[in-house]
Amino acid sequence: MKTIDVTIVRIYITEASHLLTQIIDYLKNEAKIRGVSVFRAISGFGETGNHTSSIVDFSLNLPLTLEFFDDDRDKIKKAIDHLGTIVKLEHIVFWEAKANSQSE
């Protein structure tokens, strides 16, 4: 199996931060990241307090996680540097991984 080295980046924000559109626009239009996934949590806690959702309470301030990866380390570094001006750096985590590759 052929693999390539990639860097995976994960960003933690909340719905109430109103940063989602700004981050996605940057990653798509300026950083030229191939794709981003956004996950909405049903519960979480952190420095901004507890965030939960239930059938009774429909919260509009749930945790959001954005995730993307790329094999271009310079592109990833530039994106992380820029995103660190929008989001607290400790809310951005990244790690090296392997992805399957079709090229031989």
C-alpha atoms as a PDB file:
ATOM      1  CA  MET A   1       0.000   0.000   0.000  1.00  0.00           C
ATOM      2  CA  LYS A   2       1.356   3.413  -1.030  1.00  0.00           C
ATOM      3  CA  THR A   3       1.048   6.172   1.579  1.00  0.00           C
ATOM      4  CA  ILE A   4       1.878   9.861   1.861  1.00  0.00           C
ATOM      5  CA  ASP A   5       2.770  11.930   4.906  1.00  0.00           C
ATOM      6  CA  VAL A   6       0.107  14.462   5.895  1.00  0.00           C
ATOM      7  CA  THR A   7      -0.503  16.894   8.722  1.00  0.00           C
ATOM      8  CA  ILE A   8      -3.939  16.831  10.324  1.00  0.00           C
ATOM      9  CA  VAL A   9      -5.171  20.055  11.928  1.00  0.00           C
ATOM     10  CA  ARG A  10      -8.051  20.345  14.359  1.00  0.00           C
ATOM     11  CA  ILE A  11      -9.530  23.658  15.554  1.00  0.00           C
ATOM     12  CA  TYR A  12     -11.857  24.038  18.536  1.00  0.00           C
ATOM     13  CA  ILE A  13     -14.372  26.921  18.648  1.00  0.00           C
ATOM     14  CA  THR A  14     -17.971  27.453  19.760  1.00  0.00           C
ATOM     15  CA  GLU A  15     -20.987  28.459  17.730  1.00  0.00           C
ATOM     16  CA  ALA A  16     -21.291  31.719  19.673  1.00  0.00           C
ATOM     17  CA  SER A  17     -17.770  32.769  18.650  1.00  0.00           C
ATOM     18  CA  HIS A  18     -19.124  33.408  15.125  1.00  0.00           C
ATOM     19  CA  LEU A  19     -15.749  32.388  13.647  1.00  0.00           C
ATOM     20  CA  LEU A  20     -16.876  29.426  11.553  1.00  0.00           C
ATOM     21  CA  THR A  21     -17.561  31.280   8.299  1.00  0.00           C
ATOM     22  CA  GLN A  22     -14.398  33.368   8.595  1.00  0.00           C
ATOM     23  CA  ILE A  23     -12.222  30.282   9.162  1.00  0.00           C
ATOM     24  CA  ILE A  24     -13.822  28.262   6.360  1.00  0.00           C
ATOM     25  CA  ASP A  25     -13.573  31.186   3.919  1.00  0.00           C
ATOM     26  CA  TYR A  26      -9.877  31.586   4.730  1.00  0.00           C
ATOM     27  CA  LEU A  27      -9.116  27.861   4.398  1.00  0.00           C
ATOM     28  CA  LYS A  28     -11.013  27.590   1.107  1.00  0.00           C
ATOM     29  CA  ASN A  29     -10.166  30.857  -0.647  1.00  0.00           C
ATOM     30  CA  GLU A  30      -6.758  31.905   0.672  1.00  0.00           C
ATOM     31  CA  ALA A  31      -5.048  28.815   2.092  1.00  0.00           C
ATOM     32  CA  LYS A  32      -6.473  26.638  -0.720  1.00  0.00           C
ATOM     33  CA  ILE A  33      -7.025  23.680   1.590  1.00  0.00           C
ATOM     34  CA  ARG A  34      -8.705  20.884  -0.378  1.00  0.00           C
ATOM     35  CA  GLY A  35     -11.440  20.246   2.129  1.00  0.00           C
ATOM     36  CA  VAL A  36     -12.608  20.910   5.669  1.00  0.00           C
ATOM     37  CA  SER A  37     -14.979  18.953   7.887  1.00  0.00           C
ATOM     38  CA  VAL A  38     -16.954  20.623  10.661  1.00  0.00           C
ATOM     39  CA  PHE A  39     -18.344  18.635  13.575  1.00  0.00           C
ATOM     40  CA  ARG A  40     -20.957  19.968  15.994  1.00  0.00           C
ATOM     41  CA  ALA A  41     -20.689  18.492  19.470  1.00  0.00           C
ATOM     42  CA  ILE A  42     -23.629  17.661  21.670  1.00  0.00           C
ATOM     43  CA  SER A  43     -21.666  18.484  24.807  1.00  0.00           C
ATOM     44  CA  GLY A  44     -18.388  19.997  25.889  1.00  0.00           C
ATOM     45  CA  PHE A  45     -16.689  22.212  28.445  1.00  0.00           C
ATOM     46  CA  GLY A  46     -13.702  24.482  28.560  1.00  0.00           C
ATOM     47  CA  GLU A  47     -12.630  27.976  29.464  1.00  0.00           C
ATOM     48  CA  THR A  48     -15.939  29.383  28.181  1.00  0.00           C
ATOM     49  CA  GLY A  49     -17.963  27.081  30.456  1.00  0.00           C
ATOM     50  CA  ASN A  50     -20.215  24.089  29.912  1.00  0.00           C
ATOM     51  CA  HIS A  51     -22.009  23.628  26.613  1.00  0.00           C
ATOM     52  CA  THR A  52     -24.697  20.984  26.304  1.00  0.00           C
ATOM     53  CA  SER A  53     -27.682  20.167  24.177  1.00  0.00           C
ATOM     54  CA  SER A  54     -30.755  18.227  25.112  1.00  0.00           C
ATOM     55  CA  ILE A  55     -34.203  17.712  23.677  1.00  0.00           C
ATOM     56  CA  VAL A  56     -35.560  20.247  26.183  1.00  0.00           C
ATOM     57  CA  ASP A  57     -32.790  22.849  25.688  1.00  0.00           C
ATOM     58  CA  PHE A  58     -31.785  23.746  22.144  1.00  0.00           C
ATOM     59  CA  SER A  59     -28.415  25.448  22.584  1.00  0.00           C
ATOM     60  CA  LEU A  60     -26.927  27.737  19.944  1.00  0.00           C
ATOM     61  CA  ASN A  61     -23.540  27.774  21.630  1.00  0.00           C
ATOM     62  CA  LEU A  62     -22.325  24.228  21.175  1.00  0.00           C
ATOM     63  CA  PRO A  63     -18.695  23.285  20.571  1.00  0.00           C
ATOM     64  CA  LEU A  64     -17.550  23.065  16.943  1.00  0.00           C
ATOM     65  CA  THR A  65     -14.520  21.193  15.676  1.00  0.00           C
ATOM     66  CA  LEU A  66     -13.020  21.954  12.263  1.00  0.00           C
ATOM     67  CA  GLU A  67     -10.638  19.412  10.798  1.00  0.00           C
ATOM     68  CA  PHE A  68      -8.503  19.354   7.673  1.00  0.00           C
ATOM     69  CA  PHE A  69      -5.288  17.823   6.367  1.00  0.00           C
ATOM     70  CA  ASP A  70      -2.767  18.342   3.617  1.00  0.00           C
ATOM     71  CA  ASP A  71       0.534  16.890   2.465  1.00  0.00           C
ATOM     72  CA  ASP A  72       2.039  20.353   1.903  1.00  0.00           C
ATOM     73  CA  ARG A  73       3.676  21.252   5.236  1.00  0.00           C
ATOM     74  CA  ASP A  74       4.358  24.838   4.184  1.00  0.00           C
ATOM     75  CA  LYS A  75       0.670  25.341   3.368  1.00  0.00           C
ATOM     76  CA  ILE A  76      -0.314  23.877   6.745  1.00  0.00           C
ATOM     77  CA  LYS A  77       2.222  26.005   8.647  1.00  0.00           C
ATOM     78  CA  LYS A  78       1.020  29.175   6.927  1.00  0.00           C
ATOM     79  CA  ALA A  79      -2.614  28.268   7.678  1.00  0.00           C
ATOM     80  CA  ILE A  80      -1.865  27.575  11.357  1.00  0.00           C
ATOM     81  CA  ASP A  81       0.067  30.844  11.677  1.00  0.00           C
ATOM     82  CA  HIS A  82      -2.857  32.795  10.212  1.00  0.00           C
ATOM     83  CA  LEU A  83      -5.523  30.925  12.180  1.00  0.00           C
ATOM     84  CA  GLY A  84      -3.555  31.651  15.361  1.00  0.00           C
ATOM     85  CA  THR A  85      -4.433  35.323  14.859  1.00  0.00           C
ATOM     86  CA  ILE A  86      -8.156  34.440  14.877  1.00  0.00           C
ATOM     87  CA  VAL A  87      -8.332  31.548  17.355  1.00  0.00           C
ATOM     88  CA  LYS A  88      -6.284  31.012  20.513  1.00  0.00           C
ATOM     89  CA  LEU A  89      -3.241  28.950  19.551  1.00  0.00           C
ATOM     90  CA  GLU A  90      -4.007  26.358  22.230  1.00  0.00           C
ATOM     91  CA  HIS A  91      -7.328  25.709  20.449  1.00  0.00           C
ATOM     92  CA  ILE A  92      -5.437  24.531  17.366  1.00  0.00           C
ATOM     93  CA  VAL A  93      -3.890  21.076  17.514  1.00  0.00           C
ATOM     94  CA  PHE A  94      -2.082  19.197  14.773  1.00  0.00           C
ATOM     95  CA  TRP A  95      -0.204  15.967  14.230  1.00  0.00           C
ATOM     96  CA  GLU A  96       1.553  14.000  11.539  1.00  0.00           C
ATOM     97  CA  ALA A  97      -0.224  11.036   9.974  1.00  0.00           C
ATOM     98  CA  LYS A  98      -0.227   8.771   6.936  1.00  0.00           C
ATOM     99  CA  ALA A  99      -2.861   8.802   4.200  1.00  0.00           C
ATOM    100  CA  ASN A 100      -3.387   6.262   1.474  1.00  0.00           C
ATOM    101  CA  SER A 101      -2.171   7.356  -1.918  1.00  0.00           C
ATOM    102  CA  GLN A 102      -3.210   6.188  -5.352  1.00  0.00           C
ATOM    103  CA  SER A 103      -0.095   7.531  -7.068  1.00  0.00           C
ATOM    104  CA  GLU A 104       2.772   5.127  -7.547  1.00  0.00           C
END
